[in-house]
Amino acid sequence: MKKVVTLVVSLALLLSTQTAALAHPGRTDANGGHNCSEKSKQKGLCTGYHYHNSGTTNSSSKSKSTTKSKTSNNNSSSSKTGTTGKRSAPKPGYTTVDITLIVNGSIVPLDQKAVIVNGTILLPLKNMFDALGATLEWDQAAKKITASKDGTTVELTVDSTAARKQNKDITLQVKPIVINGYTMVPARFAAESFDAAVEWDSLSSTITITTP
């Protein structure tokens, strides 16, 4: 009988000690644990840093894991945003080239470099028509150019392949365009409109025009 009583008392003391060890007083930090106080160490309730969630670290591990996962996702999202390529600017529909223009034996300085569009050379219209001896009129509203010489009149419109010579409709292979404020016109068409002869030297990139 004494042995039974002794065993019951021992079990009661053991359970009391474990319960105290798991629930002894003390403030916990954000992870649900804290460092053991000197009094608790002396009483044998704890020995160092510990948790109060049934003596396990599952809650802390889960919290750290969740935080790590969110950080990883955020980094992944930032990476995707940061690596999005910028759209490249559209290329112009022409190629700038160095061309020498000679009219009646004289080199004509160009205000704007010549350009090539679909195999056609375009030159600044003022340089072209002035060198040919034609007079120019500009209609800003219609963006129409009218060049006249010796009773011949030629009409061209910016950004249009429609042209006229002596009231006769003509379709250009390449439309006149504006580059850096200069209106560019097909060189051969401009010259031949006034019956000038046109020669092209591809080796020296030279256009030679001779008026009648």
C-alpha atoms as a PDB file:
ATOM      1  CA  MET A   1       0.000   0.000   0.000  1.00  0.00           C
ATOM      2  CA  LYS A   2       2.867   2.409   0.855  1.00  0.00           C
ATOM      3  CA  LYS A   3       4.462   1.650  -2.534  1.00  0.00           C
ATOM      4  CA  VAL A   4       1.252   2.584  -4.352  1.00  0.00           C
ATOM      5  CA  VAL A   5       0.932   5.859  -2.425  1.00  0.00           C
ATOM      6  CA  THR A   6       4.582   6.673  -3.074  1.00  0.00           C
ATOM      7  CA  LEU A   7       4.157   5.975  -6.825  1.00  0.00           C
ATOM      8  CA  VAL A   8       1.073   8.200  -7.058  1.00  0.00           C
ATOM      9  CA  VAL A   9       2.848  11.060  -5.256  1.00  0.00           C
ATOM     10  CA  SER A  10       5.888  10.722  -7.533  1.00  0.00           C
ATOM     11  CA  LEU A  11       3.737  10.875 -10.675  1.00  0.00           C
ATOM     12  CA  ALA A  12       1.915  13.936  -9.373  1.00  0.00           C
ATOM     13  CA  LEU A  13       5.212  15.732  -8.674  1.00  0.00           C
ATOM     14  CA  LEU A  14       6.564  14.805 -12.136  1.00  0.00           C
ATOM     15  CA  LEU A  15       3.478  16.142 -13.953  1.00  0.00           C
ATOM     16  CA  SER A  16       3.543  19.311 -11.853  1.00  0.00           C
ATOM     17  CA  THR A  17       7.213  19.922 -12.739  1.00  0.00           C
ATOM     18  CA  GLN A  18       6.635  19.389 -16.505  1.00  0.00           C
ATOM     19  CA  THR A  19       3.579  21.669 -16.496  1.00  0.00           C
ATOM     20  CA  ALA A  20       5.550  24.372 -14.711  1.00  0.00           C
ATOM     21  CA  ALA A  21       8.426  23.994 -17.169  1.00  0.00           C
ATOM     22  CA  LEU A  22       6.046  24.497 -20.093  1.00  0.00           C
ATOM     23  CA  ALA A  23       4.070  27.378 -18.647  1.00  0.00           C
ATOM     24  CA  HIS A  24       6.363  29.268 -16.310  1.00  0.00           C
ATOM     25  CA  PRO A  25       5.935  33.074 -16.372  1.00  0.00           C
ATOM     26  CA  GLY A  26       7.950  35.328 -18.648  1.00  0.00           C
ATOM     27  CA  ARG A  27       7.402  37.619 -21.657  1.00  0.00           C
ATOM     28  CA  THR A  28       7.732  36.021 -25.070  1.00  0.00           C
ATOM     29  CA  ASP A  29       9.155  37.636 -28.181  1.00  0.00           C
ATOM     30  CA  ALA A  30       7.693  37.717 -31.734  1.00  0.00           C
ATOM     31  CA  ASN A  31       8.754  34.087 -32.245  1.00  0.00           C
ATOM     32  CA  GLY A  32       6.789  32.886 -29.216  1.00  0.00           C
ATOM     33  CA  GLY A  33       9.823  32.244 -26.958  1.00  0.00           C
ATOM     34  CA  HIS A  34      12.299  33.964 -24.656  1.00  0.00           C
ATOM     35  CA  ASN A  35      15.531  33.512 -22.718  1.00  0.00           C
ATOM     36  CA  CYS A  36      15.296  31.707 -19.400  1.00  0.00           C
ATOM     37  CA  SER A  37      15.613  33.933 -16.291  1.00  0.00           C
ATOM     38  CA  GLU A  38      18.116  33.193 -13.537  1.00  0.00           C
ATOM     39  CA  LYS A  39      15.311  32.250 -11.112  1.00  0.00           C
ATOM     40  CA  SER A  40      13.830  29.788 -13.617  1.00  0.00           C
ATOM     41  CA  LYS A  41      17.274  28.273 -14.186  1.00  0.00           C
ATOM     42  CA  GLN A  42      17.742  27.799 -10.422  1.00  0.00           C
ATOM     43  CA  LYS A  43      14.348  26.128 -10.140  1.00  0.00           C
ATOM     44  CA  GLY A  44      15.243  23.840 -13.023  1.00  0.00           C
ATOM     45  CA  LEU A  45      12.343  25.112 -15.162  1.00  0.00           C
ATOM     46  CA  CYS A  46      14.559  25.906 -18.203  1.00  0.00           C
ATOM     47  CA  THR A  47      18.165  26.278 -19.283  1.00  0.00           C
ATOM     48  CA  GLY A  48      18.254  28.891 -22.103  1.00  0.00           C
ATOM     49  CA  TYR A  49      16.153  30.246 -24.956  1.00  0.00           C
ATOM     50  CA  HIS A  50      12.933  28.259 -25.402  1.00  0.00           C
ATOM     51  CA  TYR A  51       9.379  28.400 -26.766  1.00  0.00           C
ATOM     52  CA  HIS A  52       5.997  28.283 -25.064  1.00  0.00           C
ATOM     53  CA  ASN A  53       4.010  26.502 -27.792  1.00  0.00           C
ATOM     54  CA  SER A  54       4.130  23.018 -26.261  1.00  0.00           C
ATOM     55  CA  GLY A  55       7.920  23.001 -26.346  1.00  0.00           C
ATOM     56  CA  THR A  56       8.176  22.802 -30.171  1.00  0.00           C
ATOM     57  CA  THR A  57       9.470  25.200 -32.859  1.00  0.00           C
ATOM     58  CA  ASN A  58       6.949  24.312 -35.575  1.00  0.00           C
ATOM     59  CA  SER A  59       5.193  27.700 -35.367  1.00  0.00           C
ATOM     60  CA  SER A  60       8.473  29.584 -35.674  1.00  0.00           C
ATOM     61  CA  SER A  61       9.685  27.421 -38.544  1.00  0.00           C
ATOM     62  CA  LYS A  62       6.383  27.846 -40.344  1.00  0.00           C
ATOM     63  CA  SER A  63       6.526  31.616 -39.895  1.00  0.00           C
ATOM     64  CA  LYS A  64      10.101  31.776 -41.213  1.00  0.00           C
ATOM     65  CA  SER A  65       9.219  29.494 -44.106  1.00  0.00           C
ATOM     66  CA  THR A  66       6.191  31.620 -45.021  1.00  0.00           C
ATOM     67  CA  THR A  67       8.257  34.806 -44.857  1.00  0.00           C
ATOM     68  CA  LYS A  68      10.964  33.278 -47.026  1.00  0.00           C
ATOM     69  CA  SER A  69       8.395  32.117 -49.543  1.00  0.00           C
ATOM     70  CA  LYS A  70       6.806  35.582 -49.764  1.00  0.00           C
ATOM     71  CA  THR A  71      10.254  37.188 -50.148  1.00  0.00           C
ATOM     72  CA  SER A  72      11.122  34.725 -52.894  1.00  0.00           C
ATOM     73  CA  ASN A  73       7.872  35.478 -54.714  1.00  0.00           C
ATOM     74  CA  ASN A  74       8.447  39.207 -54.391  1.00  0.00           C
ATOM     75  CA  ASN A  75      11.977  38.848 -55.766  1.00  0.00           C
ATOM     76  CA  SER A  76      10.659  36.772 -58.635  1.00  0.00           C
ATOM     77  CA  SER A  77       8.022  39.394 -59.403  1.00  0.00           C
ATOM     78  CA  SER A  78      10.602  42.179 -59.246  1.00  0.00           C
ATOM     79  CA  SER A  79      12.915  40.209 -61.492  1.00  0.00           C
ATOM     80  CA  LYS A  80      10.200  39.773 -64.100  1.00  0.00           C
ATOM     81  CA  THR A  81       9.349  43.460 -63.969  1.00  0.00           C
ATOM     82  CA  GLY A  82      12.973  44.524 -64.149  1.00  0.00           C
ATOM     83  CA  THR A  83      13.827  42.355 -67.144  1.00  0.00           C
ATOM     84  CA  THR A  84      10.956  43.548 -69.311  1.00  0.00           C
ATOM     85  CA  GLY A  85      12.626  44.799 -72.471  1.00  0.00           C
ATOM     86  CA  LYS A  86      11.909  48.238 -73.853  1.00  0.00           C
ATOM     87  CA  ARG A  87      10.411  48.501 -77.262  1.00  0.00           C
ATOM     88  CA  SER A  88      12.908  49.644 -79.829  1.00  0.00           C
ATOM     89  CA  ALA A  89      12.154  52.804 -81.770  1.00  0.00           C
ATOM     90  CA  PRO A  90      10.779  52.197 -85.273  1.00  0.00           C
ATOM     91  CA  LYS A  91      13.359  52.510 -88.034  1.00  0.00           C
ATOM     92  CA  PRO A  92      12.840  55.218 -90.687  1.00  0.00           C
ATOM     93  CA  GLY A  93      11.714  54.081 -94.117  1.00  0.00           C
ATOM     94  CA  TYR A  94      14.809  55.477 -95.800  1.00  0.00           C
ATOM     95  CA  THR A  95      18.612  55.203 -95.875  1.00  0.00           C
ATOM     96  CA  THR A  96      20.830  58.291 -95.711  1.00  0.00           C
ATOM     97  CA  VAL A  97      23.624  58.322 -98.306  1.00  0.00           C
ATOM     98  CA  ASP A  98      26.441  60.630 -99.392  1.00  0.00           C
ATOM     99  CA  ILE A  99      25.617  61.840-102.889  1.00  0.00           C
ATOM    100  CA  THR A 100      27.440  64.367-105.066  1.00  0.00           C
ATOM    101  CA  LEU A 101      25.118  66.413-107.261  1.00  0.00           C
ATOM    102  CA  ILE A 102      26.571  68.054-110.364  1.00  0.00           C
ATOM    103  CA  VAL A 103      24.375  70.282-112.514  1.00  0.00           C
ATOM    104  CA  ASN A 104      25.811  71.667-115.764  1.00  0.00           C
ATOM    105  CA  GLY A 105      29.360  70.988-114.554  1.00  0.00           C
ATOM    106  CA  SER A 106      29.006  72.602-111.120  1.00  0.00           C
ATOM    107  CA  ILE A 107      28.762  70.798-107.790  1.00  0.00           C
ATOM    108  CA  VAL A 108      25.556  71.709-105.968  1.00  0.00           C
ATOM    109  CA  PRO A 109      25.823  71.808-102.134  1.00  0.00           C
ATOM    110  CA  LEU A 110      22.983  69.952-100.437  1.00  0.00           C
ATOM    111  CA  ASP A 111      21.189  71.317 -97.363  1.00  0.00           C
ATOM    112  CA  GLN A 112      20.255  67.755 -96.341  1.00  0.00           C
ATOM    113  CA  LYS A 113      21.985  64.485 -97.187  1.00  0.00           C
ATOM    114  CA  ALA A 114      20.357  62.454 -99.934  1.00  0.00           C
ATOM    115  CA  VAL A 115      18.247  59.440 -98.982  1.00  0.00           C
ATOM    116  CA  ILE A 116      17.273  56.253-100.750  1.00  0.00           C
ATOM    117  CA  VAL A 117      13.708  54.959-100.559  1.00  0.00           C
ATOM    118  CA  ASN A 118      12.907  51.692-102.352  1.00  0.00           C
ATOM    119  CA  GLY A 119      15.894  52.173-104.658  1.00  0.00           C
ATOM    120  CA  THR A 120      15.007  55.796-105.557  1.00  0.00           C
ATOM    121  CA  ILE A 121      17.322  58.692-104.652  1.00  0.00           C
ATOM    122  CA  LEU A 122      15.653  61.730-103.104  1.00  0.00           C
ATOM    123  CA  LEU A 123      17.324  65.161-102.889  1.00  0.00           C
ATOM    124  CA  PRO A 124      16.302  68.462-101.250  1.00  0.00           C
ATOM    125  CA  LEU A 125      13.778  70.010-103.641  1.00  0.00           C
ATOM    126  CA  LYS A 126      15.065  73.589-103.283  1.00  0.00           C
ATOM    127  CA  ASN A 127      18.630  72.563-104.155  1.00  0.00           C
ATOM    128  CA  MET A 128      17.335  70.548-107.100  1.00  0.00           C
ATOM    129  CA  PHE A 129      14.951  73.084-108.634  1.00  0.00           C
ATOM    130  CA  ASP A 130      17.202  76.086-107.963  1.00  0.00           C
ATOM    131  CA  ALA A 131      20.041  74.289-109.764  1.00  0.00           C
ATOM    132  CA  LEU A 132      17.680  73.503-112.669  1.00  0.00           C
ATOM    133  CA  GLY A 133      16.664  77.175-112.895  1.00  0.00           C
ATOM    134  CA  ALA A 134      13.014  76.575-111.939  1.00  0.00           C
ATOM    135  CA  THR A 135      10.907  78.824-109.741  1.00  0.00           C
ATOM    136  CA  LEU A 136       9.152  77.354-106.690  1.00  0.00           C
ATOM    137  CA  GLU A 137       5.816  77.874-105.017  1.00  0.00           C
ATOM    138  CA  TRP A 138       4.792  76.190-101.731  1.00  0.00           C
ATOM    139  CA  ASP A 139       1.204  75.661-100.584  1.00  0.00           C
ATOM    140  CA  GLN A 140       1.442  75.065 -96.842  1.00  0.00           C
ATOM    141  CA  ALA A 141      -2.193  74.026 -96.416  1.00  0.00           C
ATOM    142  CA  ALA A 142      -2.091  71.423 -99.182  1.00  0.00           C
ATOM    143  CA  LYS A 143       1.644  70.641 -98.737  1.00  0.00           C
ATOM    144  CA  LYS A 144       1.956  71.046-102.504  1.00  0.00           C
ATOM    145  CA  ILE A 145       5.075  72.067-104.428  1.00  0.00           C
ATOM    146  CA  THR A 146       4.766  73.803-107.791  1.00  0.00           C
ATOM    147  CA  ALA A 147       7.914  74.211-109.923  1.00  0.00           C
ATOM    148  CA  SER A 148       7.888  76.174-113.186  1.00  0.00           C
ATOM    149  CA  LYS A 149      10.433  76.728-115.957  1.00  0.00           C
ATOM    150  CA  ASP A 150      10.103  77.868-119.563  1.00  0.00           C
ATOM    151  CA  GLY A 151       6.348  77.313-119.583  1.00  0.00           C
ATOM    152  CA  THR A 152       6.511  73.868-118.004  1.00  0.00           C
ATOM    153  CA  THR A 153       4.796  73.368-114.653  1.00  0.00           C
ATOM    154  CA  VAL A 154       5.268  70.419-112.323  1.00  0.00           C
ATOM    155  CA  GLU A 155       3.220  69.762-109.176  1.00  0.00           C
ATOM    156  CA  LEU A 156       4.151  67.409-106.322  1.00  0.00           C
ATOM    157  CA  THR A 157       2.546  66.797-102.906  1.00  0.00           C
ATOM    158  CA  VAL A 158       4.343  65.712 -99.740  1.00  0.00           C
ATOM    159  CA  ASP A 159       3.506  62.147 -98.668  1.00  0.00           C
ATOM    160  CA  SER A 160       1.661  61.463-101.935  1.00  0.00           C
ATOM    161  CA  THR A 161       2.673  59.609-105.101  1.00  0.00           C
ATOM    162  CA  ALA A 162       0.220  61.717-107.120  1.00  0.00           C
ATOM    163  CA  ALA A 163       1.930  64.345-109.292  1.00  0.00           C
ATOM    164  CA  ARG A 164       1.077  66.485-112.321  1.00  0.00           C
ATOM    165  CA  LYS A 165       3.022  67.844-115.309  1.00  0.00           C
ATOM    166  CA  GLN A 166       1.284  70.329-117.574  1.00  0.00           C
ATOM    167  CA  ASN A 167      -2.084  69.225-116.096  1.00  0.00           C
ATOM    168  CA  LYS A 168      -1.287  65.582-116.830  1.00  0.00           C
ATOM    169  CA  ASP A 169      -1.574  63.160-113.885  1.00  0.00           C
ATOM    170  CA  ILE A 170       1.543  61.163-113.051  1.00  0.00           C
ATOM    171  CA  THR A 171       2.086  58.479-110.400  1.00  0.00           C
ATOM    172  CA  LEU A 172       5.487  58.599-108.727  1.00  0.00           C
ATOM    173  CA  GLN A 173       7.317  55.453-107.628  1.00  0.00           C
ATOM    174  CA  VAL A 174       8.268  57.174-104.365  1.00  0.00           C
ATOM    175  CA  LYS A 175       6.400  60.010-102.650  1.00  0.00           C
ATOM    176  CA  PRO A 176       8.138  63.224-101.536  1.00  0.00           C
ATOM    177  CA  ILE A 177       8.917  63.279 -97.805  1.00  0.00           C
ATOM    178  CA  VAL A 178      10.122  65.776 -95.213  1.00  0.00           C
ATOM    179  CA  ILE A 179      13.376  65.071 -93.329  1.00  0.00           C
ATOM    180  CA  ASN A 180      14.745  67.479 -90.729  1.00  0.00           C
ATOM    181  CA  GLY A 181      12.509  70.204 -92.130  1.00  0.00           C
ATOM    182  CA  TYR A 182      13.636  69.700 -95.745  1.00  0.00           C
ATOM    183  CA  THR A 183      11.283  68.450 -98.450  1.00  0.00           C
ATOM    184  CA  MET A 184      12.942  65.636-100.403  1.00  0.00           C
ATOM    185  CA  VAL A 185      11.888  64.808-103.978  1.00  0.00           C
ATOM    186  CA  PRO A 186      12.835  62.032-106.424  1.00  0.00           C
ATOM    187  CA  ALA A 187      15.935  63.404-108.187  1.00  0.00           C
ATOM    188  CA  ARG A 188      15.436  61.781-111.593  1.00  0.00           C
ATOM    189  CA  PHE A 189      11.774  62.775-111.814  1.00  0.00           C
ATOM    190  CA  ALA A 190      12.543  66.394-110.886  1.00  0.00           C
ATOM    191  CA  ALA A 191      15.286  66.663-113.501  1.00  0.00           C
ATOM    192  CA  GLU A 192      13.520  64.843-116.326  1.00  0.00           C
ATOM    193  CA  SER A 193      10.351  66.882-115.744  1.00  0.00           C
ATOM    194  CA  PHE A 194      12.248  69.777-117.318  1.00  0.00           C
ATOM    195  CA  ASP A 195      13.792  67.621-120.049  1.00  0.00           C
ATOM    196  CA  ALA A 196      17.209  67.480-118.374  1.00  0.00           C
ATOM    197  CA  ALA A 197      19.537  64.509-118.924  1.00  0.00           C
ATOM    198  CA  VAL A 198      20.400  62.473-115.803  1.00  0.00           C
ATOM    199  CA  GLU A 199      23.423  60.205-115.298  1.00  0.00           C
ATOM    200  CA  TRP A 200      24.205  58.112-112.220  1.00  0.00           C
ATOM    201  CA  ASP A 201      27.745  56.947-111.358  1.00  0.00           C
ATOM    202  CA  SER A 202      27.418  54.250-108.686  1.00  0.00           C
ATOM    203  CA  LEU A 203      31.206  54.033-108.152  1.00  0.00           C
ATOM    204  CA  SER A 204      31.519  57.668-107.094  1.00  0.00           C
ATOM    205  CA  SER A 205      27.879  58.066-105.949  1.00  0.00           C
ATOM    206  CA  THR A 206      27.492  61.054-108.267  1.00  0.00           C
ATOM    207  CA  ILE A 207      24.391  62.368-110.035  1.00  0.00           C
ATOM    208  CA  THR A 208      25.182  64.446-113.104  1.00  0.00           C
ATOM    209  CA  ILE A 209      22.385  66.562-114.602  1.00  0.00           C
ATOM    210  CA  THR A 210      22.594  68.487-117.835  1.00  0.00           C
ATOM    211  CA  THR A 211      19.836  70.919-118.786  1.00  0.00           C
ATOM    212  CA  PRO A 212      18.910  71.566-122.445  1.00  0.00           C
END
